[in-house]
Amino acid sequence: MSQDVGRANCFLVAAIALLILTGPAIAGKFDFNPDKYPFVHKHNYQADVEGEGYVMVWQKIDTNNLSLHEYMHGSGTFDEADLISSEQTSSGSGSYWVYDWKEGWVKNLVGASSTISMIKQNEMVYAPVSFSYGTGWYSRNPIQYNSLFKDKTVAKSYQEGAMMHHQIEYAKGYIGDIAVDINCTAATEKADGKGYLGMRIEDDVTAGTLHFGQLMADPRLSKFTGKSGGKKVTAYGHKEAWKNALIEMDANYIGSFHVKKNMNVEFVKYRAKSVEDWLPCCSGGFFGIKDSEKIYPGVVGIFDCSCRETAVSSFRPSWNTSMAQYPNDVYRYKP
């Protein structure tokens, strides 16, 4: 074939790597995506491609806890549109203090938060194609492309130990829509966090194979490190967690199919809460706090008298708070 066979009326709009970096951060106890650090950034990508020829696309988007992998190849005619966005909204550098009955005032770290989303529409028809290149050998001996279609999407949420997989392979025709949403939001002092992984799919495949998978590991068996007897140890491991998965789904279709799938998992990451207020009338009270830690407690109860009411309600005999009273012998201070 001549070079005309490879004409591709392509329109590509790529707002690629719109990165707003606010400084590096060090991976910590909340960062589970291997070697991916929580750099605060924002990324957007848009593409609209139409043409005839051979196509190979490889895309991988990561944050410290999330991952999206997209791969596609094939020869023939194509009409494709993509919208991808990701954001590392926080690096996990904050902290807050809560009171625990056994441990006293405990410092809680705030984990990093991030999101990834993708919407993609594809319409493909397989055909063998050939191209002539340059002015030498390949101008006289065109390169042949004869590739059935493959389209693969893998979404992972590492902190939750969850993943979803969508794959089309060896297809002669494909019309499909897919939307992916992944969210890892850390708990803070005032709000619970959330984890979300969702995939919405509609496929119309001609003479090919389809695979859909969903997996969620047992969080009790996930890999973590700690110290025992002053030595660093690793307890359990991801392999054991995957073997004993809480959710495991595997669906496969071979032939020509029209398929709709809607998969999602959602998690709540509860924030740590103090067990008491800091006023002196509450058990322990402000003056029972270490001097070095008195700047950390909150001020809940100082103006609404809830702390006083709690203390007075426990008095025996009861104390009538509707009038001024002097303590009797039961309540009188005795040096």
Protein backbone atom coordinates (compact mmCIF):
# COMPACT_ATOMS: atom_id res chain seq x y z
CA MET A 1 0.00 0.00 0.00
CA SER A 2 1.02 3.60 -0.42
CA GLN A 3 1.42 6.09 2.33
CA ASP A 4 -2.20 7.09 1.81
CA VAL A 5 -3.29 3.88 3.53
CA GLY A 6 -1.87 5.21 6.75
CA ARG A 7 -3.59 8.57 6.69
CA ALA A 8 -5.03 9.38 10.09
CA ASN A 9 -7.24 12.39 10.53
CA CYS A 10 -6.10 12.87 14.10
CA PHE A 11 -7.13 15.61 16.44
CA LEU A 12 -5.34 15.39 19.77
CA VAL A 13 -5.94 17.77 22.60
CA ALA A 14 -3.58 16.94 25.41
CA ALA A 15 -3.50 18.98 28.55
CA ILE A 16 -0.81 16.60 29.73
CA ALA A 17 1.11 16.90 32.95
CA LEU A 18 -0.55 19.94 34.42
CA LEU A 19 1.52 19.44 37.53
CA ILE A 20 1.43 21.82 40.44
CA LEU A 21 4.10 20.62 42.85
CA THR A 22 4.14 22.10 46.32
CA GLY A 23 7.25 20.37 47.58
CA PRO A 24 8.43 16.82 48.30
CA ALA A 25 7.17 14.63 51.10
CA ILE A 26 8.55 11.50 52.69
CA ALA A 27 6.69 8.21 52.36
CA GLY A 28 5.15 7.18 55.66
CA LYS A 29 2.90 4.64 57.34
CA PHE A 30 -0.07 5.53 55.07
CA ASP A 31 1.77 5.18 51.71
CA PHE A 32 1.20 1.68 50.32
CA ASN A 33 1.77 2.15 46.55
CA PRO A 34 5.40 0.93 46.22
CA ASP A 35 7.91 3.77 45.76
CA LYS A 36 5.18 6.35 45.03
CA TYR A 37 5.59 9.41 47.22
CA PRO A 38 2.77 11.84 48.14
CA PHE A 39 3.77 14.86 46.07
CA VAL A 40 0.87 17.32 46.10
CA HIS A 41 -0.08 17.84 42.43
CA LYS A 42 -2.91 17.99 39.90
CA HIS A 43 -2.93 16.25 36.49
CA ASN A 44 -5.40 16.46 33.58
CA TYR A 45 -5.42 14.73 30.19
CA GLN A 46 -7.87 15.00 27.28
CA ALA A 47 -7.68 13.19 23.93
CA ASP A 48 -9.92 12.81 20.87
CA VAL A 49 -8.46 10.57 18.13
CA GLU A 50 -10.00 9.35 14.86
CA GLY A 51 -8.19 7.56 12.04
CA GLU A 52 -6.99 4.40 10.31
CA GLY A 53 -3.77 2.49 10.99
CA TYR A 54 -2.04 0.89 13.95
CA VAL A 55 -2.48 2.16 17.52
CA MET A 56 -0.62 1.41 20.75
CA VAL A 57 -1.43 3.37 23.91
CA TRP A 58 0.12 2.84 27.36
CA GLN A 59 -0.90 5.05 30.32
CA LYS A 60 -0.16 4.67 34.03
CA ILE A 61 -1.33 7.15 36.65
CA ASP A 62 -0.19 6.85 40.28
CA THR A 63 -0.56 8.53 43.65
CA ASN A 64 0.82 7.35 46.99
CA ASN A 65 -2.15 4.98 47.46
CA LEU A 66 -3.92 4.73 44.08
CA SER A 67 -3.05 3.42 40.61
CA LEU A 68 -4.70 3.38 37.16
CA HIS A 69 -3.16 1.42 34.27
CA GLU A 70 -4.56 1.66 30.72
CA TYR A 71 -3.21 -0.25 27.69
CA MET A 72 -4.56 -0.62 24.14
CA HIS A 73 -3.31 -1.84 20.74
CA GLY A 74 -4.68 -2.97 17.38
CA SER A 75 -4.86 -2.21 13.66
CA GLY A 76 -7.83 -0.90 11.68
CA THR A 77 -10.11 2.10 12.09
CA PHE A 78 -10.38 3.98 15.38
CA ASP A 79 -12.56 6.58 17.06
CA GLU A 80 -11.48 7.21 20.64
CA ALA A 81 -11.99 9.88 23.33
CA ASP A 82 -10.34 10.02 26.79
CA LEU A 83 -10.67 12.19 29.89
CA ILE A 84 -8.23 11.43 32.72
CA SER A 85 -7.61 13.43 35.89
CA SER A 86 -5.68 12.77 39.09
CA GLU A 87 -4.83 14.81 42.16
CA GLN A 88 -2.75 14.32 45.28
CA THR A 89 -4.70 16.73 47.47
CA SER A 90 -2.56 16.36 50.61
CA SER A 91 0.80 14.89 51.53
CA GLY A 92 -0.04 13.52 54.99
CA SER A 93 2.08 15.97 56.96
CA GLY A 94 -0.56 17.03 59.51
CA SER A 95 -1.40 15.70 62.97
CA TYR A 96 -3.85 16.18 65.83
CA TRP A 97 -4.15 15.05 69.45
CA VAL A 98 -6.81 12.89 71.12
CA TYR A 99 -7.18 11.65 74.69
CA ASP A 100 -7.13 7.91 75.39
CA TRP A 101 -8.04 6.38 78.76
CA LYS A 102 -4.96 4.15 78.80
CA GLU A 103 -2.36 6.12 76.86
CA GLY A 104 -3.26 9.69 77.81
CA TRP A 105 -2.80 12.30 75.08
CA VAL A 106 -1.91 10.56 71.81
CA LYS A 107 -0.68 12.20 68.63
CA ASN A 108 -2.54 11.01 65.50
CA LEU A 109 -1.05 11.51 62.05
CA VAL A 110 -3.25 12.61 59.13
CA GLY A 111 -2.70 10.42 56.07
CA ALA A 112 -2.36 11.67 52.50
CA SER A 113 -5.45 12.08 50.28
CA SER A 114 -5.72 11.55 46.51
CA THR A 115 -8.15 10.83 43.64
CA ILE A 116 -7.97 9.37 40.11
CA SER A 117 -10.79 9.34 37.54
CA MET A 118 -11.11 8.29 33.89
CA ILE A 119 -13.85 8.32 31.24
CA LYS A 120 -13.16 6.62 27.89
CA GLN A 121 -15.19 5.90 24.76
CA ASN A 122 -13.92 3.55 22.02
CA GLU A 123 -15.15 2.44 18.61
CA MET A 124 -12.79 0.12 16.69
CA VAL A 125 -13.00 -2.13 13.61
CA TYR A 126 -10.12 -4.51 12.91
CA ALA A 127 -8.32 -4.56 9.53
CA PRO A 128 -4.73 -5.37 8.42
CA VAL A 129 -2.80 -2.29 7.28
CA SER A 130 0.66 -1.52 5.87
CA PHE A 131 2.84 1.60 5.74
CA SER A 132 5.81 2.82 3.73
CA TYR A 133 8.44 4.77 5.68
CA GLY A 134 11.11 7.23 4.51
CA THR A 135 13.06 6.86 1.25
CA GLY A 136 15.06 3.66 1.85
CA TRP A 137 14.22 0.00 2.27
CA TYR A 138 10.87 0.59 4.00
CA SER A 139 9.69 2.91 1.24
CA ARG A 140 9.87 -0.08 -1.15
CA ASN A 141 8.93 -2.75 1.43
CA PRO A 142 5.97 -1.51 3.50
CA ILE A 143 5.67 -2.64 7.13
CA GLN A 144 2.64 -4.85 7.71
CA TYR A 145 0.38 -4.50 10.78
CA ASN A 146 -2.12 -7.27 11.42
CA SER A 147 -3.21 -6.95 15.05
CA LEU A 148 -6.53 -7.83 16.65
CA PHE A 149 -7.70 -5.42 19.33
CA LYS A 150 -6.70 -5.46 22.98
CA ASP A 151 -7.89 -3.02 25.65
CA LYS A 152 -6.92 -3.39 29.32
CA THR A 153 -7.81 -1.26 32.37
CA VAL A 154 -6.58 -1.97 35.92
CA ALA A 155 -7.58 0.20 38.91
CA LYS A 156 -6.04 -0.27 42.38
CA SER A 157 -6.50 1.20 45.83
CA TYR A 158 -3.46 0.03 47.80
CA GLN A 159 -4.44 1.21 51.27
CA GLU A 160 -7.74 -0.70 51.03
CA GLY A 161 -6.12 -3.68 49.28
CA ALA A 162 -8.69 -3.56 46.45
CA MET A 163 -8.45 -3.76 42.65
CA MET A 164 -10.65 -4.05 39.53
CA HIS A 165 -9.67 -5.37 36.10
CA HIS A 166 -11.33 -5.00 32.68
CA GLN A 167 -9.79 -6.56 29.54
CA ILE A 168 -10.80 -7.14 25.91
CA GLU A 169 -8.50 -9.25 23.73
CA TYR A 170 -8.31 -10.71 20.19
CA ALA A 171 -11.40 -8.73 19.13
CA LYS A 172 -12.37 -7.94 15.54
CA GLY A 173 -14.73 -5.17 16.58
CA TYR A 174 -15.35 -3.17 19.73
CA ILE A 175 -17.66 -0.38 20.85
CA GLY A 176 -17.40 0.49 24.52
CA ASP A 177 -17.61 3.01 27.35
CA ILE A 178 -15.78 2.80 30.67
CA ALA A 179 -15.65 5.12 33.69
CA VAL A 180 -13.28 4.65 36.64
CA ASP A 181 -13.28 6.52 39.97
CA ILE A 182 -10.77 5.95 42.80
CA ASN A 183 -10.67 7.97 46.01
CA CYS A 184 -8.45 7.74 49.09
CA THR A 185 -9.38 10.47 51.59
CA ALA A 186 -7.71 10.43 55.00
CA ALA A 187 -9.55 10.95 58.27
CA THR A 188 -8.91 14.26 60.02
CA GLU A 189 -9.59 15.65 63.48
CA LYS A 190 -13.09 16.77 62.44
CA ALA A 191 -14.21 14.30 59.74
CA ASP A 192 -14.07 10.62 58.86
CA GLY A 193 -12.12 9.61 55.76
CA LYS A 194 -13.29 7.45 52.87
CA GLY A 195 -12.00 4.94 50.38
CA TYR A 196 -13.78 4.27 47.08
CA LEU A 197 -13.07 2.17 44.00
CA GLY A 198 -15.63 2.01 41.18
CA MET A 199 -15.77 0.87 37.55
CA ARG A 200 -18.77 1.30 35.20
CA ILE A 201 -18.55 -0.57 31.88
CA GLU A 202 -20.64 -1.12 28.75
CA ASP A 203 -19.04 -3.28 26.01
CA ASP A 204 -20.17 -4.48 22.60
CA VAL A 205 -17.52 -6.94 21.37
CA THR A 206 -17.36 -8.86 18.08
CA ALA A 207 -15.42 -12.15 17.98
CA GLY A 208 -13.18 -11.56 20.99
CA THR A 209 -12.63 -12.35 24.67
CA LEU A 210 -13.76 -10.31 27.67
CA HIS A 211 -12.54 -10.51 31.26
CA PHE A 212 -13.86 -8.74 34.35
CA GLY A 213 -12.25 -9.14 37.77
CA GLN A 214 -12.66 -7.71 41.26
CA LEU A 215 -10.52 -8.44 44.31
CA MET A 216 -10.34 -7.14 47.87
CA ALA A 217 -7.77 -8.50 50.30
CA ASP A 218 -8.33 -9.27 53.95
CA PRO A 219 -6.98 -6.10 55.65
CA ARG A 220 -5.92 -8.09 58.72
CA LEU A 221 -3.37 -9.91 56.57
CA SER A 222 -2.01 -6.90 54.68
CA LYS A 223 1.70 -6.22 54.90
CA PHE A 224 2.91 -3.82 57.55
CA THR A 225 6.08 -3.22 59.51
CA GLY A 226 6.66 -2.56 63.16
CA LYS A 227 9.00 -3.25 66.07
CA SER A 228 9.17 -6.20 68.44
CA GLY A 229 11.81 -6.38 71.15
CA GLY A 230 13.53 -3.37 69.60
CA LYS A 231 13.84 -5.12 66.21
CA LYS A 232 12.07 -4.20 62.98
CA VAL A 233 9.68 -6.95 61.86
CA THR A 234 7.21 -7.55 59.01
CA ALA A 235 3.92 -9.14 60.00
CA TYR A 236 2.07 -11.30 57.47
CA GLY A 237 2.28 -10.09 53.87
CA HIS A 238 0.29 -9.17 50.79
CA LYS A 239 0.52 -12.69 49.31
CA GLU A 240 -1.30 -14.13 52.29
CA ALA A 241 -3.88 -11.34 52.10
CA TRP A 242 -4.61 -12.08 48.42
CA LYS A 243 -4.92 -15.84 49.07
CA ASN A 244 -7.61 -15.21 51.66
CA ALA A 245 -9.43 -12.39 49.88
CA LEU A 246 -12.68 -10.99 51.25
CA ILE A 247 -13.98 -10.41 47.70
CA GLU A 248 -12.92 -12.37 44.61
CA MET A 249 -14.86 -12.19 41.32
CA ASP A 250 -13.79 -13.51 37.90
CA ALA A 251 -16.03 -13.32 34.79
CA ASN A 252 -14.94 -14.38 31.27
CA TYR A 253 -16.75 -14.33 27.92
CA ILE A 254 -15.51 -15.67 24.55
CA GLY A 255 -17.32 -14.73 21.33
CA SER A 256 -19.58 -11.78 20.51
CA PHE A 257 -21.28 -10.17 23.52
CA HIS A 258 -23.00 -7.04 24.78
CA VAL A 259 -22.09 -6.62 28.47
CA LYS A 260 -22.88 -4.04 31.17
CA LYS A 261 -21.03 -4.06 34.50
CA ASN A 262 -21.16 -1.76 37.52
CA MET A 263 -18.64 -2.58 40.26
CA ASN A 264 -17.75 -0.55 43.35
CA VAL A 265 -16.45 -0.93 46.89
CA GLU A 266 -16.58 1.78 49.56
CA PHE A 267 -14.85 2.15 52.92
CA VAL A 268 -15.14 4.47 55.92
CA LYS A 269 -11.95 5.49 57.73
CA TYR A 270 -13.12 6.57 61.17
CA ARG A 271 -11.35 9.48 62.83
CA ALA A 272 -9.87 9.11 66.30
CA LYS A 273 -11.92 10.80 69.03
CA SER A 274 -11.05 12.01 72.53
CA VAL A 275 -12.81 10.30 75.41
CA GLU A 276 -13.25 13.44 77.55
CA ASP A 277 -13.17 17.22 77.65
CA TRP A 278 -10.34 19.15 79.26
CA LEU A 279 -12.13 21.27 81.88
CA PRO A 280 -11.23 20.63 85.56
CA CYS A 281 -14.79 19.48 86.35
CA CYS A 282 -14.39 16.52 84.00
CA SER A 283 -12.47 13.47 85.16
CA GLY A 284 -8.78 14.20 85.09
CA GLY A 285 -9.27 17.66 83.68
CA PHE A 286 -6.97 20.29 82.27
CA PHE A 287 -4.69 20.33 85.30
CA GLY A 288 -4.11 16.60 84.96
CA ILE A 289 -2.49 17.06 81.55
CA LYS A 290 1.27 17.17 81.18
CA ASP A 291 2.55 20.74 80.86
CA SER A 292 4.18 19.93 77.51
CA GLU A 293 0.82 18.78 76.10
CA LYS A 294 -1.59 21.43 77.41
CA ILE A 295 -1.55 23.35 74.11
CA TYR A 296 -3.09 20.44 72.16
CA PRO A 297 -6.52 19.73 73.73
CA GLY A 298 -9.67 21.20 72.17
CA VAL A 299 -12.09 23.63 73.81
CA VAL A 300 -15.31 21.59 73.51
CA GLY A 301 -17.51 22.24 76.57
CA ILE A 302 -15.93 25.45 77.81
CA PHE A 303 -18.83 27.76 76.84
CA ASP A 304 -21.88 25.44 76.76
CA CYS A 305 -21.33 24.15 80.35
CA SER A 306 -21.72 20.57 79.19
CA CYS A 307 -18.64 19.58 81.18
CA ARG A 308 -20.04 21.10 84.40
CA GLU A 309 -23.43 19.45 83.92
CA THR A 310 -21.77 16.08 83.48
CA ALA A 311 -19.83 16.48 86.72
CA VAL A 312 -22.78 17.81 88.77
CA SER A 313 -25.07 15.00 87.63
CA SER A 314 -22.80 12.50 89.36
CA PHE A 315 -23.04 14.15 92.81
CA ARG A 316 -24.63 12.05 95.58
CA PRO A 317 -26.66 13.45 97.25
CA SER A 318 -27.83 15.38 94.18
CA TRP A 319 -27.11 19.08 93.88
CA ASN A 320 -29.91 21.47 92.90
CA THR A 321 -28.27 23.67 90.26
CA SER A 322 -31.27 26.05 89.97
CA MET A 323 -30.04 28.07 92.98
CA ALA A 324 -26.73 29.07 94.47
CA GLN A 325 -25.54 26.62 97.10
CA TYR A 326 -22.58 26.29 99.36
CA PRO A 327 -21.05 22.83 99.61
CA ASN A 328 -22.23 20.78 102.56
CA ASP A 329 -19.99 18.48 104.54
CA VAL A 330 -20.01 15.92 101.74
CA TYR A 331 -18.53 18.36 99.22
CA ARG A 332 -16.57 20.66 101.52
CA TYR A 333 -12.82 20.78 100.91
CA LYS A 334 -10.94 18.98 103.68
CA PRO A 335 -7.15 19.54 103.82
